Amino acid sequence: MDFEVDHAQALLNREKPGAHHPDNLQLIIKAHNSRKSNDNWERFTLEEQVAYIETVVRLQEMVASRFESDLDKGVVESLLLRLKKVY
């Protein structure tokens, strides 16, 4: 689970560059951030952001044992609590 901090409105978008501000940040996985590149997205709502993170975690849980890894639920819960404070 390689989450990255993404600027919903990309800083390097040629038409409408976004700001480096907490109101423009969201967490997405590295693969999605790479595909998004410098495109602008509507920022996830808090509910969408939480659902996205929980979905990624559920997917990882399905394969974790096969990779001989464990997920620490405390880390995910801490992340979600901090995220709610930013939003």
PDB file of N, CA and C in Angstrom:
ATOM      1  N   MET A   1       0.844  -1.165   0.000  1.00  0.00           N
ATOM      2  CA  MET A   1       0.000   0.000   0.000  1.00  0.00           C
ATOM      3  C   MET A   1       0.890   1.229   0.000  1.00  0.00           C
ATOM      4  N   ASP A   2       1.214   1.679  -1.155  1.00  0.00           N
ATOM      5  CA  ASP A   2       2.038   2.878  -1.289  1.00  0.00           C
ATOM      6  C   ASP A   2       1.144   4.092  -1.474  1.00  0.00           C
ATOM      7  N   PHE A   3       0.675   4.647  -0.351  1.00  0.00           N
ATOM      8  CA  PHE A   3      -0.113   5.872  -0.424  1.00  0.00           C
ATOM      9  C   PHE A   3       0.828   7.046  -0.641  1.00  0.00           C
ATOM     10  N   GLU A   4       0.388   7.987  -1.443  1.00  0.00           N
ATOM     11  CA  GLU A   4       1.122   9.221  -1.661  1.00  0.00           C
ATOM     12  C   GLU A   4       0.189  10.399  -1.417  1.00  0.00           C
ATOM     13  N   VAL A   5       0.775  11.493  -1.004  1.00  0.00           N
ATOM     14  CA  VAL A   5       0.001  12.723  -0.887  1.00  0.00           C
ATOM     15  C   VAL A   5      -0.081  13.322  -2.280  1.00  0.00           C
ATOM     16  N   ASP A   6      -1.299  13.569  -2.720  1.00  0.00           N
ATOM     17  CA  ASP A   6      -1.546  14.092  -4.061  1.00  0.00           C
ATOM     18  C   ASP A   6      -2.172  15.471  -3.963  1.00  0.00           C
ATOM     19  N   HIS A   7      -1.815  16.319  -4.895  1.00  0.00           N
ATOM     20  CA  HIS A   7      -2.497  17.604  -5.050  1.00  0.00           C
ATOM     21  C   HIS A   7      -3.653  17.366  -6.022  1.00  0.00           C
ATOM     22  N   ALA A   8      -4.885  17.463  -5.525  1.00  0.00           N
ATOM     23  CA  ALA A   8      -6.056  17.226  -6.374  1.00  0.00           C
ATOM     24  C   ALA A   8      -6.006  18.130  -7.605  1.00  0.00           C
ATOM     25  N   GLN A   9      -5.735  19.396  -7.380  1.00  0.00           N
ATOM     26  CA  GLN A   9      -5.472  20.331  -8.462  1.00  0.00           C
ATOM     27  C   GLN A   9      -3.952  20.360  -8.609  1.00  0.00           C
ATOM     28  N   ALA A  10      -3.446  19.712  -9.634  1.00  0.00           N
ATOM     29  CA  ALA A  10      -2.006  19.491  -9.788  1.00  0.00           C
ATOM     30  C   ALA A  10      -1.217  20.799  -9.839  1.00  0.00           C
ATOM     31  N   LEU A  11      -0.104  20.808  -9.118  1.00  0.00           N
ATOM     32  CA  LEU A  11       0.745  21.993  -9.103  1.00  0.00           C
ATOM     33  C   LEU A  11       1.274  22.327 -10.495  1.00  0.00           C
ATOM     34  N   LEU A  12       1.526  21.296 -11.291  1.00  0.00           N
ATOM     35  CA  LEU A  12       2.126  21.497 -12.611  1.00  0.00           C
ATOM     36  C   LEU A  12       1.114  21.441 -13.751  1.00  0.00           C
ATOM     37  N   ASN A  13      -0.166  21.568 -13.441  1.00  0.00           N
ATOM     38  CA  ASN A  13      -1.173  21.613 -14.504  1.00  0.00           C
ATOM     39  C   ASN A  13      -0.987  22.909 -15.282  1.00  0.00           C
ATOM     40  N   ARG A  14      -0.905  22.801 -16.605  1.00  0.00           N
ATOM     41  CA  ARG A  14      -0.608  23.974 -17.440  1.00  0.00           C
ATOM     42  C   ARG A  14      -1.765  24.956 -17.519  1.00  0.00           C
ATOM     43  N   GLU A  15      -2.987  24.437 -17.473  1.00  0.00           N
ATOM     44  CA  GLU A  15      -4.149  25.308 -17.634  1.00  0.00           C
ATOM     45  C   GLU A  15      -4.585  25.976 -16.327  1.00  0.00           C
ATOM     46  N   LYS A  16      -4.581  25.210 -15.251  1.00  0.00           N
ATOM     47  CA  LYS A  16      -5.041  25.739 -13.966  1.00  0.00           C
ATOM     48  C   LYS A  16      -4.243  25.078 -12.841  1.00  0.00           C
ATOM     49  N   PRO A  17      -3.047  25.586 -12.555  1.00  0.00           N
ATOM     50  CA  PRO A  17      -2.233  24.982 -11.504  1.00  0.00           C
ATOM     51  C   PRO A  17      -2.874  25.137 -10.128  1.00  0.00           C
ATOM     52  N   GLY A  18      -2.739  24.102  -9.326  1.00  0.00           N
ATOM     53  CA  GLY A  18      -3.281  24.112  -7.974  1.00  0.00           C
ATOM     54  C   GLY A  18      -2.300  24.703  -6.984  1.00  0.00           C
ATOM     55  N   ALA A  19      -2.772  24.840  -5.768  1.00  0.00           N
ATOM     56  CA  ALA A  19      -1.960  25.413  -4.692  1.00  0.00           C
ATOM     57  C   ALA A  19      -1.416  24.304  -3.796  1.00  0.00           C
ATOM     58  N   HIS A  20      -0.284  24.593  -3.175  1.00  0.00           N
ATOM     59  CA  HIS A  20       0.277  23.677  -2.180  1.00  0.00           C
ATOM     60  C   HIS A  20      -0.331  24.064  -0.842  1.00  0.00           C
ATOM     61  N   HIS A  21      -1.523  23.523  -0.580  1.00  0.00           N
ATOM     62  CA  HIS A  21      -2.316  23.906   0.583  1.00  0.00           C
ATOM     63  C   HIS A  21      -3.071  22.674   1.062  1.00  0.00           C
ATOM     64  N   PRO A  22      -3.305  22.527   2.370  1.00  0.00           N
ATOM     65  CA  PRO A  22      -4.026  21.356   2.877  1.00  0.00           C
ATOM     66  C   PRO A  22      -5.387  21.121   2.216  1.00  0.00           C
ATOM     67  N   ASP A  23      -6.057  22.186   1.781  1.00  0.00           N
ATOM     68  CA  ASP A  23      -7.361  22.036   1.131  1.00  0.00           C
ATOM     69  C   ASP A  23      -7.265  21.412  -0.255  1.00  0.00           C
ATOM     70  N   ASN A  24      -6.049  21.231  -0.743  1.00  0.00           N
ATOM     71  CA  ASN A  24      -5.841  20.661  -2.072  1.00  0.00           C
ATOM     72  C   ASN A  24      -5.200  19.272  -2.004  1.00  0.00           C
ATOM     73  N   LEU A  25      -5.035  18.741  -0.807  1.00  0.00           N
ATOM     74  CA  LEU A  25      -4.336  17.467  -0.650  1.00  0.00           C
ATOM     75  C   LEU A  25      -5.306  16.312  -0.449  1.00  0.00           C
ATOM     76  N   GLN A  26      -4.894  15.156  -0.940  1.00  0.00           N
ATOM     77  CA  GLN A  26      -5.634  13.913  -0.738  1.00  0.00           C
ATOM     78  C   GLN A  26      -4.630  12.775  -0.794  1.00  0.00           C
ATOM     79  N   LEU A  27      -5.023  11.623  -0.289  1.00  0.00           N
ATOM     80  CA  LEU A  27      -4.164  10.441  -0.330  1.00  0.00           C
ATOM     81  C   LEU A  27      -4.672   9.493  -1.398  1.00  0.00           C
ATOM     82  N   ILE A  28      -3.775   9.103  -2.289  1.00  0.00           N
ATOM     83  CA  ILE A  28      -4.097   8.079  -3.278  1.00  0.00           C
ATOM     84  C   ILE A  28      -2.883   7.164  -3.409  1.00  0.00           C
ATOM     85  N   ILE A  29      -3.113   5.970  -3.923  1.00  0.00           N
ATOM     86  CA  ILE A  29      -1.985   5.057  -4.055  1.00  0.00           C
ATOM     87  C   ILE A  29      -1.095   5.485  -5.218  1.00  0.00           C
ATOM     88  N   LYS A  30       0.140   5.078  -5.136  1.00  0.00           N
ATOM     89  CA  LYS A  30       1.164   5.494  -6.101  1.00  0.00           C
ATOM     90  C   LYS A  30       0.747   5.214  -7.548  1.00  0.00           C
ATOM     91  N   ALA A  31       0.163   4.055  -7.799  1.00  0.00           N
ATOM     92  CA  ALA A  31      -0.233   3.715  -9.171  1.00  0.00           C
ATOM     93  C   ALA A  31      -1.267   4.695  -9.710  1.00  0.00           C
ATOM     94  N   HIS A  32      -2.214   5.099  -8.860  1.00  0.00           N
ATOM     95  CA  HIS A  32      -3.240   6.053  -9.299  1.00  0.00           C
ATOM     96  C   HIS A  32      -2.641   7.451  -9.467  1.00  0.00           C
ATOM     97  N   ASN A  33      -1.734   7.810  -8.583  1.00  0.00           N
ATOM     98  CA  ASN A  33      -1.098   9.124  -8.677  1.00  0.00           C
ATOM     99  C   ASN A  33      -0.264   9.231  -9.960  1.00  0.00           C
ATOM    100  N   SER A  34       0.397   8.150 -10.326  1.00  0.00           N
ATOM    101  CA  SER A  34       1.179   8.143 -11.567  1.00  0.00           C
ATOM    102  C   SER A  34       0.288   8.327 -12.786  1.00  0.00           C
ATOM    103  N   ARG A  35      -0.857   7.654 -12.787  1.00  0.00           N
ATOM    104  CA  ARG A  35      -1.804   7.784 -13.909  1.00  0.00           C
ATOM    105  C   ARG A  35      -2.419   9.173 -13.953  1.00  0.00           C
ATOM    106  N   LYS A  36      -2.685   9.753 -12.787  1.00  0.00           N
ATOM    107  CA  LYS A  36      -3.282  11.085 -12.712  1.00  0.00           C
ATOM    108  C   LYS A  36      -2.316  12.121 -13.268  1.00  0.00           C
ATOM    109  N   SER A  37      -1.048  11.969 -12.933  1.00  0.00           N
ATOM    110  CA  SER A  37       0.011  12.856 -13.388  1.00  0.00           C
ATOM    111  C   SER A  37      -0.326  14.311 -13.057  1.00  0.00           C
ATOM    112  N   ASN A  38      -0.372  15.174 -14.054  1.00  0.00           N
ATOM    113  CA  ASN A  38      -0.632  16.594 -13.838  1.00  0.00           C
ATOM    114  C   ASN A  38      -2.068  16.992 -14.145  1.00  0.00           C
ATOM    115  N   ASP A  39      -2.947  16.013 -14.185  1.00  0.00           N
ATOM    116  CA  ASP A  39      -4.366  16.316 -14.392  1.00  0.00           C
ATOM    117  C   ASP A  39      -4.969  16.858 -13.104  1.00  0.00           C
ATOM    118  N   ASN A  40      -5.999  17.648 -13.255  1.00  0.00           N
ATOM    119  CA  ASN A  40      -6.748  18.142 -12.104  1.00  0.00           C
ATOM    120  C   ASN A  40      -7.939  17.242 -11.855  1.00  0.00           C
ATOM    121  N   TRP A  41      -8.159  16.935 -10.596  1.00  0.00           N
ATOM    122  CA  TRP A  41      -9.313  16.156 -10.147  1.00  0.00           C
ATOM    123  C   TRP A  41     -10.077  16.983  -9.137  1.00  0.00           C
ATOM    124  N   GLU A  42     -11.347  16.715  -9.026  1.00  0.00           N
ATOM    125  CA  GLU A  42     -12.081  17.250  -7.895  1.00  0.00           C
ATOM    126  C   GLU A  42     -11.578  16.495  -6.671  1.00  0.00           C
ATOM    127  N   ARG A  43     -11.247  17.224  -5.634  1.00  0.00           N
ATOM    128  CA  ARG A  43     -10.706  16.594  -4.431  1.00  0.00           C
ATOM    129  C   ARG A  43     -11.758  15.674  -3.813  1.00  0.00           C
ATOM    130  N   PHE A  44     -11.304  14.517  -3.324  1.00  0.00           N
ATOM    131  CA  PHE A  44     -12.197  13.617  -2.613  1.00  0.00           C
ATOM    132  C   PHE A  44     -12.846  14.353  -1.450  1.00  0.00           C
ATOM    133  N   THR A  45     -14.111  14.091  -1.225  1.00  0.00           N
ATOM    134  CA  THR A  45     -14.729  14.533   0.022  1.00  0.00           C
ATOM    135  C   THR A  45     -14.136  13.664   1.130  1.00  0.00           C
ATOM    136  N   LEU A  46     -14.355  14.050   2.360  1.00  0.00           N
ATOM    137  CA  LEU A  46     -13.853  13.229   3.471  1.00  0.00           C
ATOM    138  C   LEU A  46     -14.426  11.820   3.384  1.00  0.00           C
ATOM    139  N   GLU A  47     -15.709  11.710   3.090  1.00  0.00           N
ATOM    140  CA  GLU A  47     -16.350  10.389   3.001  1.00  0.00           C
ATOM    141  C   GLU A  47     -15.747   9.565   1.865  1.00  0.00           C
ATOM    142  N   GLU A  48     -15.491  10.195   0.721  1.00  0.00           N
ATOM    143  CA  GLU A  48     -14.871   9.484  -0.399  1.00  0.00           C
ATOM    144  C   GLU A  48     -13.446   9.067  -0.054  1.00  0.00           C
ATOM    145  N   GLN A  49     -12.714   9.951   0.616  1.00  0.00           N
ATOM    146  CA  GLN A  49     -11.337   9.647   0.979  1.00  0.00           C
ATOM    147  C   GLN A  49     -11.272   8.463   1.930  1.00  0.00           C
ATOM    148  N   VAL A  50     -12.136   8.455   2.935  1.00  0.00           N
ATOM    149  CA  VAL A  50     -12.179   7.342   3.889  1.00  0.00           C
ATOM    150  C   VAL A  50     -12.555   6.053   3.170  1.00  0.00           C
ATOM    151  N   ALA A  51     -13.560   6.098   2.303  1.00  0.00           N
ATOM    152  CA  ALA A  51     -13.980   4.905   1.558  1.00  0.00           C
ATOM    153  C   ALA A  51     -12.853   4.394   0.672  1.00  0.00           C
ATOM    154  N   TYR A  52     -12.130   5.291   0.020  1.00  0.00           N
ATOM    155  CA  TYR A  52     -11.010   4.920  -0.848  1.00  0.00           C
ATOM    156  C   TYR A  52      -9.936   4.194  -0.040  1.00  0.00           C
ATOM    157  N   ILE A  53      -9.541   4.782   1.085  1.00  0.00           N
ATOM    158  CA  ILE A  53      -8.501   4.177   1.919  1.00  0.00           C
ATOM    159  C   ILE A  53      -8.962   2.822   2.445  1.00  0.00           C
ATOM    160  N   GLU A  54     -10.180   2.739   2.935  1.00  0.00           N
ATOM    161  CA  GLU A  54     -10.697   1.466   3.462  1.00  0.00           C
ATOM    162  C   GLU A  54     -10.767   0.404   2.366  1.00  0.00           C
ATOM    163  N   THR A  55     -11.096   0.793   1.153  1.00  0.00           N
ATOM    164  CA  THR A  55     -11.140  -0.161   0.037  1.00  0.00           C
ATOM    165  C   THR A  55      -9.750  -0.673  -0.295  1.00  0.00           C
ATOM    166  N   VAL A  56      -8.779   0.211  -0.329  1.00  0.00           N
ATOM    167  CA  VAL A  56      -7.393  -0.204  -0.596  1.00  0.00           C
ATOM    168  C   VAL A  56      -6.911  -1.154   0.494  1.00  0.00           C
ATOM    169  N   VAL A  57      -7.229  -0.844   1.733  1.00  0.00           N
ATOM    170  CA  VAL A  57      -6.817  -1.699   2.856  1.00  0.00           C
ATOM    171  C   VAL A  57      -7.488  -3.068   2.747  1.00  0.00           C
ATOM    172  N   ARG A  58      -8.781  -3.100   2.435  1.00  0.00           N
ATOM    173  CA  ARG A  58      -9.485  -4.395   2.289  1.00  0.00           C
ATOM    174  C   ARG A  58      -8.848  -5.238   1.183  1.00  0.00           C
ATOM    175  N   LEU A  59      -8.501  -4.616   0.092  1.00  0.00           N
ATOM    176  CA  LEU A  59      -7.851  -5.339  -0.997  1.00  0.00           C
ATOM    177  C   LEU A  59      -6.515  -5.907  -0.542  1.00  0.00           C
ATOM    178  N   GLN A  60      -5.760  -5.114   0.194  1.00  0.00           N
ATOM    179  CA  GLN A  60      -4.467  -5.591   0.705  1.00  0.00           C
ATOM    180  C   GLN A  60      -4.663  -6.744   1.686  1.00  0.00           C
ATOM    181  N   GLU A  61      -5.706  -6.657   2.514  1.00  0.00           N
ATOM    182  CA  GLU A  61      -5.977  -7.725   3.480  1.00  0.00           C
ATOM    183  C   GLU A  61      -6.217  -9.058   2.778  1.00  0.00           C
ATOM    184  N   MET A  62      -6.812  -9.000   1.589  1.00  0.00           N
ATOM    185  CA  MET A  62      -7.119 -10.234   0.860  1.00  0.00           C
ATOM    186  C   MET A  62      -5.862 -10.992   0.453  1.00  0.00           C
ATOM    187  N   VAL A  63      -4.772 -10.271   0.235  1.00  0.00           N
ATOM    188  CA  VAL A  63      -3.548 -10.920  -0.245  1.00  0.00           C
ATOM    189  C   VAL A  63      -2.402 -10.891   0.768  1.00  0.00           C
ATOM    190  N   ALA A  64      -2.596 -10.243   1.895  1.00  0.00           N
ATOM    191  CA  ALA A  64      -1.504 -10.069   2.859  1.00  0.00           C
ATOM    192  C   ALA A  64      -0.878 -11.387   3.292  1.00  0.00           C
ATOM    193  N   SER A  65      -1.700 -12.372   3.590  1.00  0.00           N
ATOM    194  CA  SER A  65      -1.151 -13.641   4.063  1.00  0.00           C
ATOM    195  C   SER A  65      -0.302 -14.321   2.988  1.00  0.00           C
ATOM    196  N   ARG A  66      -0.653 -14.119   1.757  1.00  0.00           N
ATOM    197  CA  ARG A  66       0.128 -14.728   0.670  1.00  0.00           C
ATOM    198  C   ARG A  66       1.478 -14.045   0.496  1.00  0.00           C
ATOM    199  N   PHE A  67       1.561 -12.801   0.926  1.00  0.00           N
ATOM    200  CA  PHE A  67       2.827 -12.074   0.899  1.00  0.00           C
ATOM    201  C   PHE A  67       3.554 -12.177   2.231  1.00  0.00           C
ATOM    202  N   GLU A  68       2.993 -12.990   3.129  1.00  0.00           N
ATOM    203  CA  GLU A  68       3.546 -13.173   4.464  1.00  0.00           C
ATOM    204  C   GLU A  68       3.735 -11.834   5.170  1.00  0.00           C
ATOM    205  N   SER A  69       2.692 -11.012   5.118  1.00  0.00           N
ATOM    206  CA  SER A  69       2.727  -9.728   5.805  1.00  0.00           C
ATOM    207  C   SER A  69       1.448  -9.554   6.612  1.00  0.00           C
ATOM    208  N   ASP A  70       1.539  -8.732   7.611  1.00  0.00           N
ATOM    209  CA  ASP A  70       0.398  -8.426   8.455  1.00  0.00           C
ATOM    210  C   ASP A  70       0.095  -6.941   8.351  1.00  0.00           C
ATOM    211  N   LEU A  71      -1.170  -6.618   8.499  1.00  0.00           N
ATOM    212  CA  LEU A  71      -1.577  -5.222   8.519  1.00  0.00           C
ATOM    213  C   LEU A  71      -1.821  -4.797   9.953  1.00  0.00           C
ATOM    214  N   ASP A  72      -1.310  -3.648  10.304  1.00  0.00           N
ATOM    215  CA  ASP A  72      -1.517  -3.103  11.640  1.00  0.00           C
ATOM    216  C   ASP A  72      -2.713  -2.169  11.584  1.00  0.00           C
ATOM    217  N   LYS A  73      -3.838  -2.634  12.099  1.00  0.00           N
ATOM    218  CA  LYS A  73      -5.082  -1.844  12.068  1.00  0.00           C
ATOM    219  C   LYS A  73      -4.908  -0.513  12.796  1.00  0.00           C
ATOM    220  N   GLY A  74      -4.040  -0.475  13.797  1.00  0.00           N
ATOM    221  CA  GLY A  74      -3.807   0.753  14.540  1.00  0.00           C
ATOM    222  C   GLY A  74      -3.241   1.861  13.668  1.00  0.00           C
ATOM    223  N   VAL A  75      -2.390   1.488  12.726  1.00  0.00           N
ATOM    224  CA  VAL A  75      -1.796   2.473  11.821  1.00  0.00           C
ATOM    225  C   VAL A  75      -2.878   3.066  10.921  1.00  0.00           C
ATOM    226  N   VAL A  76      -3.744   2.222  10.399  1.00  0.00           N
ATOM    227  CA  VAL A  76      -4.815   2.686   9.522  1.00  0.00           C
ATOM    228  C   VAL A  76      -5.779   3.588  10.303  1.00  0.00           C
ATOM    229  N   GLU A  77      -6.129   3.184  11.497  1.00  0.00           N
ATOM    230  CA  GLU A  77      -7.028   3.994  12.323  1.00  0.00           C
ATOM    231  C   GLU A  77      -6.406   5.352  12.641  1.00  0.00           C
ATOM    232  N   SER A  78      -5.114   5.376  12.949  1.00  0.00           N
ATOM    233  CA  SER A  78      -4.414   6.624  13.230  1.00  0.00           C
ATOM    234  C   SER A  78      -4.401   7.526  11.995  1.00  0.00           C
ATOM    235  N   LEU A  79      -4.164   6.934  10.840  1.00  0.00           N
ATOM    236  CA  LEU A  79      -4.168   7.682   9.585  1.00  0.00           C
ATOM    237  C   LEU A  79      -5.534   8.331   9.352  1.00  0.00           C
ATOM    238  N   LEU A  80      -6.586   7.568   9.546  1.00  0.00           N
ATOM    239  CA  LEU A  80      -7.929   8.096   9.318  1.00  0.00           C
ATOM    240  C   LEU A  80      -8.281   9.197  10.314  1.00  0.00           C
ATOM    241  N   LEU A  81      -7.860   9.072  11.562  1.00  0.00           N
ATOM    242  CA  LEU A  81      -8.101  10.117  12.553  1.00  0.00           C
ATOM    243  C   LEU A  81      -7.380  11.411  12.179  1.00  0.00           C
ATOM    244  N   ARG A  82      -6.160  11.289  11.746  1.00  0.00           N
ATOM    245  CA  ARG A  82      -5.385  12.475  11.342  1.00  0.00           C
ATOM    246  C   ARG A  82      -5.976  13.114  10.098  1.00  0.00           C
ATOM    247  N   LEU A  83      -6.409  12.280   9.183  1.00  0.00           N
ATOM    248  CA  LEU A  83      -7.009  12.774   7.951  1.00  0.00           C
ATOM    249  C   LEU A  83      -8.260  13.588   8.245  1.00  0.00           C
ATOM    250  N   LYS A  84      -9.082  13.113   9.169  1.00  0.00           N
ATOM    251  CA  LYS A  84     -10.305  13.823   9.533  1.00  0.00           C
ATOM    252  C   LYS A  84      -9.995  15.196  10.111  1.00  0.00           C
ATOM    253  N   LYS A  85      -8.870  15.326  10.800  1.00  0.00           N
ATOM    254  CA  LYS A  85      -8.484  16.622  11.349  1.00  0.00           C
ATOM    255  C   LYS A  85      -8.078  17.601  10.243  1.00  0.00           C
ATOM    256  N   VAL A  86      -7.457  17.084   9.198  1.00  0.00           N
ATOM    257  CA  VAL A  86      -7.036  17.935   8.079  1.00  0.00           C
ATOM    258  C   VAL A  86      -8.259  18.409   7.304  1.00  0.00           C
ATOM    259  N   TYR A  87      -9.209  17.523   7.092  1.00  0.00           N
ATOM    260  CA  TYR A  87     -10.387  17.881   6.331  1.00  0.00           C
ATOM    261  C   TYR A  87     -11.242  18.842   7.132  1.00  0.00           C
TER     262      TYR A  87
END
